Amino acid sequence: MPMLEVIRASEEPLTKEQKLAFVQDAIEIFRDVLDTPNGRLRLFFSNIEWEDSIVGLLEDDDTDN
């Protein structure tokens, strides 16, 4: 069973509509590329705070100098 985990660092989490659009595209891609049957793809979203990412930390550090 394929599993896709999406980890995103952002100041704002994805909206439900954005997640749904991503899910619909992912289902189609996994079906086309891996012949994954409907209902077999497991997809999870995680959002981390921007300042918890390396880019966010480095940007914060640049503004301090």
PDB file of N, CA and C in Angstrom:
ATOM      1  N   MET A   1       0.852  -1.171   0.000  1.00  0.00           N
ATOM      2  CA  MET A   1       0.000   0.000   0.000  1.00  0.00           C
ATOM      3  C   MET A   1       0.897   1.234   0.000  1.00  0.00           C
ATOM      4  N   PRO A   2       0.830   2.054  -1.038  1.00  0.00           N
ATOM      5  CA  PRO A   2       1.648   3.260  -1.092  1.00  0.00           C
ATOM      6  C   PRO A   2       1.231   4.276  -0.025  1.00  0.00           C
ATOM      7  N   MET A   3       2.210   4.982   0.490  1.00  0.00           N
ATOM      8  CA  MET A   3       1.954   6.030   1.472  1.00  0.00           C
ATOM      9  C   MET A   3       2.731   7.274   1.056  1.00  0.00           C
ATOM     10  N   LEU A   4       2.091   8.400   1.132  1.00  0.00           N
ATOM     11  CA  LEU A   4       2.701   9.678   0.787  1.00  0.00           C
ATOM     12  C   LEU A   4       2.553  10.600   1.984  1.00  0.00           C
ATOM     13  N   GLU A   5       3.667  11.112   2.473  1.00  0.00           N
ATOM     14  CA  GLU A   5       3.629  12.069   3.572  1.00  0.00           C
ATOM     15  C   GLU A   5       4.098  13.417   3.043  1.00  0.00           C
ATOM     16  N   VAL A   6       3.302  14.430   3.264  1.00  0.00           N
ATOM     17  CA  VAL A   6       3.610  15.779   2.810  1.00  0.00           C
ATOM     18  C   VAL A   6       3.942  16.602   4.042  1.00  0.00           C
ATOM     19  N   ILE A   7       5.185  17.071   4.121  1.00  0.00           N
ATOM     20  CA  ILE A   7       5.607  17.926   5.230  1.00  0.00           C
ATOM     21  C   ILE A   7       5.900  19.298   4.645  1.00  0.00           C
ATOM     22  N   ARG A   8       5.249  20.292   5.191  1.00  0.00           N
ATOM     23  CA  ARG A   8       5.340  21.635   4.636  1.00  0.00           C
ATOM     24  C   ARG A   8       5.690  22.619   5.738  1.00  0.00           C
ATOM     25  N   ALA A   9       6.701  23.430   5.492  1.00  0.00           N
ATOM     26  CA  ALA A   9       7.061  24.509   6.410  1.00  0.00           C
ATOM     27  C   ALA A   9       6.491  25.800   5.849  1.00  0.00           C
ATOM     28  N   SER A  10       5.618  26.412   6.604  1.00  0.00           N
ATOM     29  CA  SER A  10       4.959  27.606   6.115  1.00  0.00           C
ATOM     30  C   SER A  10       4.420  28.407   7.279  1.00  0.00           C
ATOM     31  N   GLU A  11       4.258  29.686   7.046  1.00  0.00           N
ATOM     32  CA  GLU A  11       3.647  30.527   8.060  1.00  0.00           C
ATOM     33  C   GLU A  11       2.163  30.219   8.199  1.00  0.00           C
ATOM     34  N   GLU A  12       1.539  29.734   7.138  1.00  0.00           N
ATOM     35  CA  GLU A  12       0.123  29.394   7.134  1.00  0.00           C
ATOM     36  C   GLU A  12      -0.042  27.943   6.687  1.00  0.00           C
ATOM     37  N   PRO A  13      -0.841  27.156   7.395  1.00  0.00           N
ATOM     38  CA  PRO A  13      -1.101  25.787   6.940  1.00  0.00           C
ATOM     39  C   PRO A  13      -1.955  25.784   5.676  1.00  0.00           C
ATOM     40  N   LEU A  14      -1.936  24.664   4.973  1.00  0.00           N
ATOM     41  CA  LEU A  14      -2.775  24.523   3.788  1.00  0.00           C
ATOM     42  C   LEU A  14      -4.246  24.543   4.180  1.00  0.00           C
ATOM     43  N   THR A  15      -5.063  25.064   3.301  1.00  0.00           N
ATOM     44  CA  THR A  15      -6.505  25.032   3.525  1.00  0.00           C
ATOM     45  C   THR A  15      -7.028  23.640   3.182  1.00  0.00           C
ATOM     46  N   LYS A  16      -8.237  23.351   3.612  1.00  0.00           N
ATOM     47  CA  LYS A  16      -8.860  22.073   3.278  1.00  0.00           C
ATOM     48  C   LYS A  16      -8.981  21.924   1.761  1.00  0.00           C
ATOM     49  N   GLU A  17      -9.314  23.009   1.075  1.00  0.00           N
ATOM     50  CA  GLU A  17      -9.449  22.974  -0.381  1.00  0.00           C
ATOM     51  C   GLU A  17      -8.111  22.657  -1.053  1.00  0.00           C
ATOM     52  N   GLN A  18      -7.023  23.246  -0.561  1.00  0.00           N
ATOM     53  CA  GLN A  18      -5.697  22.961  -1.119  1.00  0.00           C
ATOM     54  C   GLN A  18      -5.313  21.501  -0.896  1.00  0.00           C
ATOM     55  N   LYS A  19      -5.596  20.993   0.306  1.00  0.00           N
ATOM     56  CA  LYS A  19      -5.294  19.588   0.595  1.00  0.00           C
ATOM     57  C   LYS A  19      -6.101  18.671  -0.311  1.00  0.00           C
ATOM     58  N   LEU A  20      -7.372  18.970  -0.489  1.00  0.00           N
ATOM     59  CA  LEU A  20      -8.227  18.143  -1.338  1.00  0.00           C
ATOM     60  C   LEU A  20      -7.730  18.133  -2.778  1.00  0.00           C
ATOM     61  N   ALA A  21      -7.332  19.278  -3.302  1.00  0.00           N
ATOM     62  CA  ALA A  21      -6.796  19.345  -4.667  1.00  0.00           C
ATOM     63  C   ALA A  21      -5.522  18.509  -4.780  1.00  0.00           C
ATOM     64  N   PHE A  22      -4.656  18.588  -3.774  1.00  0.00           N
ATOM     65  CA  PHE A  22      -3.430  17.800  -3.767  1.00  0.00           C
ATOM     66  C   PHE A  22      -3.759  16.306  -3.744  1.00  0.00           C
ATOM     67  N   VAL A  23      -4.703  15.925  -2.881  1.00  0.00           N
ATOM     68  CA  VAL A  23      -5.110  14.519  -2.763  1.00  0.00           C
ATOM     69  C   VAL A  23      -5.631  13.999  -4.099  1.00  0.00           C
ATOM     70  N   GLN A  24      -6.482  14.765  -4.742  1.00  0.00           N
ATOM     71  CA  GLN A  24      -7.053  14.323  -6.023  1.00  0.00           C
ATOM     72  C   GLN A  24      -5.961  14.114  -7.067  1.00  0.00           C
ATOM     73  N   ASP A  25      -4.999  15.035  -7.130  1.00  0.00           N
ATOM     74  CA  ASP A  25      -3.896  14.885  -8.081  1.00  0.00           C
ATOM     75  C   ASP A  25      -3.008  13.697  -7.712  1.00  0.00           C
ATOM     76  N   ALA A  26      -2.728  13.515  -6.426  1.00  0.00           N
ATOM     77  CA  ALA A  26      -1.880  12.409  -5.983  1.00  0.00           C
ATOM     78  C   ALA A  26      -2.524  11.066  -6.313  1.00  0.00           C
ATOM     79  N   ILE A  27      -3.820  10.943  -6.076  1.00  0.00           N
ATOM     80  CA  ILE A  27      -4.524   9.697  -6.394  1.00  0.00           C
ATOM     81  C   ILE A  27      -4.375   9.370  -7.876  1.00  0.00           C
ATOM     82  N   GLU A  28      -4.567  10.381  -8.717  1.00  0.00           N
ATOM     83  CA  GLU A  28      -4.455  10.172 -10.168  1.00  0.00           C
ATOM     84  C   GLU A  28      -3.030   9.781 -10.569  1.00  0.00           C
ATOM     85  N   ILE A  29      -2.042  10.467 -10.020  1.00  0.00           N
ATOM     86  CA  ILE A  29      -0.640  10.163 -10.357  1.00  0.00           C
ATOM     87  C   ILE A  29      -0.266   8.757  -9.904  1.00  0.00           C
ATOM     88  N   PHE A  30      -0.608   8.395  -8.671  1.00  0.00           N
ATOM     89  CA  PHE A  30      -0.268   7.058  -8.185  1.00  0.00           C
ATOM     90  C   PHE A  30      -0.992   5.973  -8.980  1.00  0.00           C
ATOM     91  N   ARG A  31      -2.223   6.258  -9.390  1.00  0.00           N
ATOM     92  CA  ARG A  31      -2.963   5.296 -10.210  1.00  0.00           C
ATOM     93  C   ARG A  31      -2.274   5.134 -11.571  1.00  0.00           C
ATOM     94  N   ASP A  32      -1.897   6.250 -12.189  1.00  0.00           N
ATOM     95  CA  ASP A  32      -1.286   6.204 -13.525  1.00  0.00           C
ATOM     96  C   ASP A  32       0.118   5.610 -13.508  1.00  0.00           C
ATOM     97  N   VAL A  33       0.923   5.967 -12.518  1.00  0.00           N
ATOM     98  CA  VAL A  33       2.332   5.565 -12.497  1.00  0.00           C
ATOM     99  C   VAL A  33       2.531   4.189 -11.857  1.00  0.00           C
ATOM    100  N   LEU A  34       1.848   3.944 -10.743  1.00  0.00           N
ATOM    101  CA  LEU A  34       2.074   2.702  -9.997  1.00  0.00           C
ATOM    102  C   LEU A  34       0.905   1.726 -10.070  1.00  0.00           C
ATOM    103  N   ASP A  35      -0.141   2.104 -10.819  1.00  0.00           N
ATOM    104  CA  ASP A  35      -1.344   1.272 -10.931  1.00  0.00           C
ATOM    105  C   ASP A  35      -1.963   1.002  -9.557  1.00  0.00           C
ATOM    106  N   THR A  36      -1.953   2.028  -8.705  1.00  0.00           N
ATOM    107  CA  THR A  36      -2.511   1.921  -7.362  1.00  0.00           C
ATOM    108  C   THR A  36      -4.036   1.934  -7.439  1.00  0.00           C
ATOM    109  N   PRO A  37      -4.677   0.888  -6.903  1.00  0.00           N
ATOM    110  CA  PRO A  37      -6.150   0.866  -6.938  1.00  0.00           C
ATOM    111  C   PRO A  37      -6.743   1.984  -6.083  1.00  0.00           C
ATOM    112  N   ASN A  38      -7.947   2.418  -6.427  1.00  0.00           N
ATOM    113  CA  ASN A  38      -8.632   3.433  -5.629  1.00  0.00           C
ATOM    114  C   ASN A  38      -8.765   2.953  -4.188  1.00  0.00           C
ATOM    115  N   GLY A  39      -8.551   3.875  -3.247  1.00  0.00           N
ATOM    116  CA  GLY A  39      -8.692   3.564  -1.839  1.00  0.00           C
ATOM    117  C   GLY A  39      -7.461   2.961  -1.201  1.00  0.00           C
ATOM    118  N   ARG A  40      -6.396   2.767  -1.952  1.00  0.00           N
ATOM    119  CA  ARG A  40      -5.193   2.129  -1.406  1.00  0.00           C
ATOM    120  C   ARG A  40      -4.102   3.122  -1.034  1.00  0.00           C
ATOM    121  N   LEU A  41      -4.116   4.321  -1.580  1.00  0.00           N
ATOM    122  CA  LEU A  41      -3.101   5.329  -1.248  1.00  0.00           C
ATOM    123  C   LEU A  41      -3.397   5.920   0.118  1.00  0.00           C
ATOM    124  N   ARG A  42      -2.392   5.979   0.955  1.00  0.00           N
ATOM    125  CA  ARG A  42      -2.503   6.633   2.255  1.00  0.00           C
ATOM    126  C   ARG A  42      -1.706   7.926   2.170  1.00  0.00           C
ATOM    127  N   LEU A  43      -2.332   9.031   2.520  1.00  0.00           N
ATOM    128  CA  LEU A  43      -1.706  10.344   2.384  1.00  0.00           C
ATOM    129  C   LEU A  43      -1.900  11.119   3.682  1.00  0.00           C
ATOM    130  N   PHE A  44      -0.807  11.711   4.179  1.00  0.00           N
ATOM    131  CA  PHE A  44      -0.830  12.449   5.433  1.00  0.00           C
ATOM    132  C   PHE A  44      -0.195  13.819   5.226  1.00  0.00           C
ATOM    133  N   PHE A  45      -0.763  14.823   5.842  1.00  0.00           N
ATOM    134  CA  PHE A  45      -0.218  16.175   5.799  1.00  0.00           C
ATOM    135  C   PHE A  45       0.317  16.551   7.174  1.00  0.00           C
ATOM    136  N   SER A  46       1.484  17.156   7.193  1.00  0.00           N
ATOM    137  CA  SER A  46       2.038  17.725   8.418  1.00  0.00           C
ATOM    138  C   SER A  46       2.520  19.122   8.096  1.00  0.00           C
ATOM    139  N   ASN A  47       2.238  20.044   8.976  1.00  0.00           N
ATOM    140  CA  ASN A  47       2.720  21.408   8.793  1.00  0.00           C
ATOM    141  C   ASN A  47       3.633  21.736   9.962  1.00  0.00           C
ATOM    142  N   ILE A  48       4.823  22.226   9.661  1.00  0.00           N
ATOM    143  CA  ILE A  48       5.716  22.681  10.715  1.00  0.00           C
ATOM    144  C   ILE A  48       5.806  24.201  10.624  1.00  0.00           C
ATOM    145  N   GLU A  49       6.034  24.796  11.745  1.00  0.00           N
ATOM    146  CA  GLU A  49       6.145  26.252  11.765  1.00  0.00           C
ATOM    147  C   GLU A  49       7.335  26.688  10.916  1.00  0.00           C
ATOM    148  N   TRP A  50       7.187  27.807  10.247  1.00  0.00           N
ATOM    149  CA  TRP A  50       8.229  28.334   9.365  1.00  0.00           C
ATOM    150  C   TRP A  50       9.547  28.496  10.112  1.00  0.00           C
ATOM    151  N   GLU A  51       9.491  28.993  11.347  1.00  0.00           N
ATOM    152  CA  GLU A  51      10.724  29.217  12.101  1.00  0.00           C
ATOM    153  C   GLU A  51      11.358  27.910  12.584  1.00  0.00           C
ATOM    154  N   ASP A  52      10.668  26.778  12.405  1.00  0.00           N
ATOM    155  CA  ASP A  52      11.236  25.475  12.737  1.00  0.00           C
ATOM    156  C   ASP A  52      11.920  24.820  11.543  1.00  0.00           C
ATOM    157  N   SER A  53      11.925  25.495  10.404  1.00  0.00           N
ATOM    158  CA  SER A  53      12.613  24.978   9.217  1.00  0.00           C
ATOM    159  C   SER A  53      13.960  25.680   9.076  1.00  0.00           C
ATOM    160  N   ILE A  54      14.861  25.057   8.353  1.00  0.00           N
ATOM    161  CA  ILE A  54      16.199  25.650   8.181  1.00  0.00           C
ATOM    162  C   ILE A  54      16.112  26.989   7.449  1.00  0.00           C
ATOM    163  N   VAL A  55      15.250  27.080   6.455  1.00  0.00           N
ATOM    164  CA  VAL A  55      15.112  28.330   5.711  1.00  0.00           C
ATOM    165  C   VAL A  55      14.565  29.423   6.627  1.00  0.00           C
ATOM    166  N   GLY A  56      13.547  29.085   7.392  1.00  0.00           N
ATOM    167  CA  GLY A  56      12.980  30.063   8.317  1.00  0.00           C
ATOM    168  C   GLY A  56      13.985  30.518   9.362  1.00  0.00           C
ATOM    169  N   LEU A  57      14.759  29.577   9.878  1.00  0.00           N
ATOM    170  CA  LEU A  57      15.776  29.927  10.876  1.00  0.00           C
ATOM    171  C   LEU A  57      16.846  30.830  10.282  1.00  0.00           C
ATOM    172  N   LEU A  58      17.298  30.501   9.079  1.00  0.00           N
ATOM    173  CA  LEU A  58      18.340  31.312   8.442  1.00  0.00           C
ATOM    174  C   LEU A  58      17.828  32.697   8.086  1.00  0.00           C
ATOM    175  N   GLU A  59      16.562  32.788   7.628  1.00  0.00           N
ATOM    176  CA  GLU A  59      15.995  34.102   7.329  1.00  0.00           C
ATOM    177  C   GLU A  59      15.897  34.945   8.588  1.00  0.00           C
ATOM    178  N   ASP A  60      15.467  34.339   9.690  1.00  0.00           N
ATOM    179  CA  ASP A  60      15.387  35.062  10.965  1.00  0.00           C
ATOM    180  C   ASP A  60      16.772  35.535  11.400  1.00  0.00           C
ATOM    181  N   ASP A  61      17.778  34.688  11.176  1.00  0.00           N
ATOM    182  CA  ASP A  61      19.151  35.026  11.548  1.00  0.00           C
ATOM    183  C   ASP A  61      19.662  36.193  10.714  1.00  0.00           C
ATOM    184  N   ASP A  62      19.302  36.230   9.408  1.00  0.00           N
ATOM    185  CA  ASP A  62      19.731  37.313   8.528  1.00  0.00           C
ATOM    186  C   ASP A  62      19.149  38.660   8.954  1.00  0.00           C
ATOM    187  N   THR A  63      17.929  38.652   9.471  1.00  0.00           N
ATOM    188  CA  THR A  63      17.308  39.926   9.869  1.00  0.00           C
ATOM    189  C   THR A  63      17.905  40.445  11.167  1.00  0.00           C
ATOM    190  N   ASP A  64      18.552  39.553  11.944  1.00  0.00           N
ATOM    191  CA  ASP A  64      19.158  39.961  13.203  1.00  0.00           C
ATOM    192  C   ASP A  64      20.495  40.669  12.992  1.00  0.00           C
ATOM    193  N   ASN A  65      21.111  40.503  11.813  1.00  0.00           N
ATOM    194  CA  ASN A  65      22.448  41.071  11.566  1.00  0.00           C
ATOM    195  C   ASN A  65      22.380  42.469  11.010  1.00  0.00           C
TER     196      ASN A  65
END
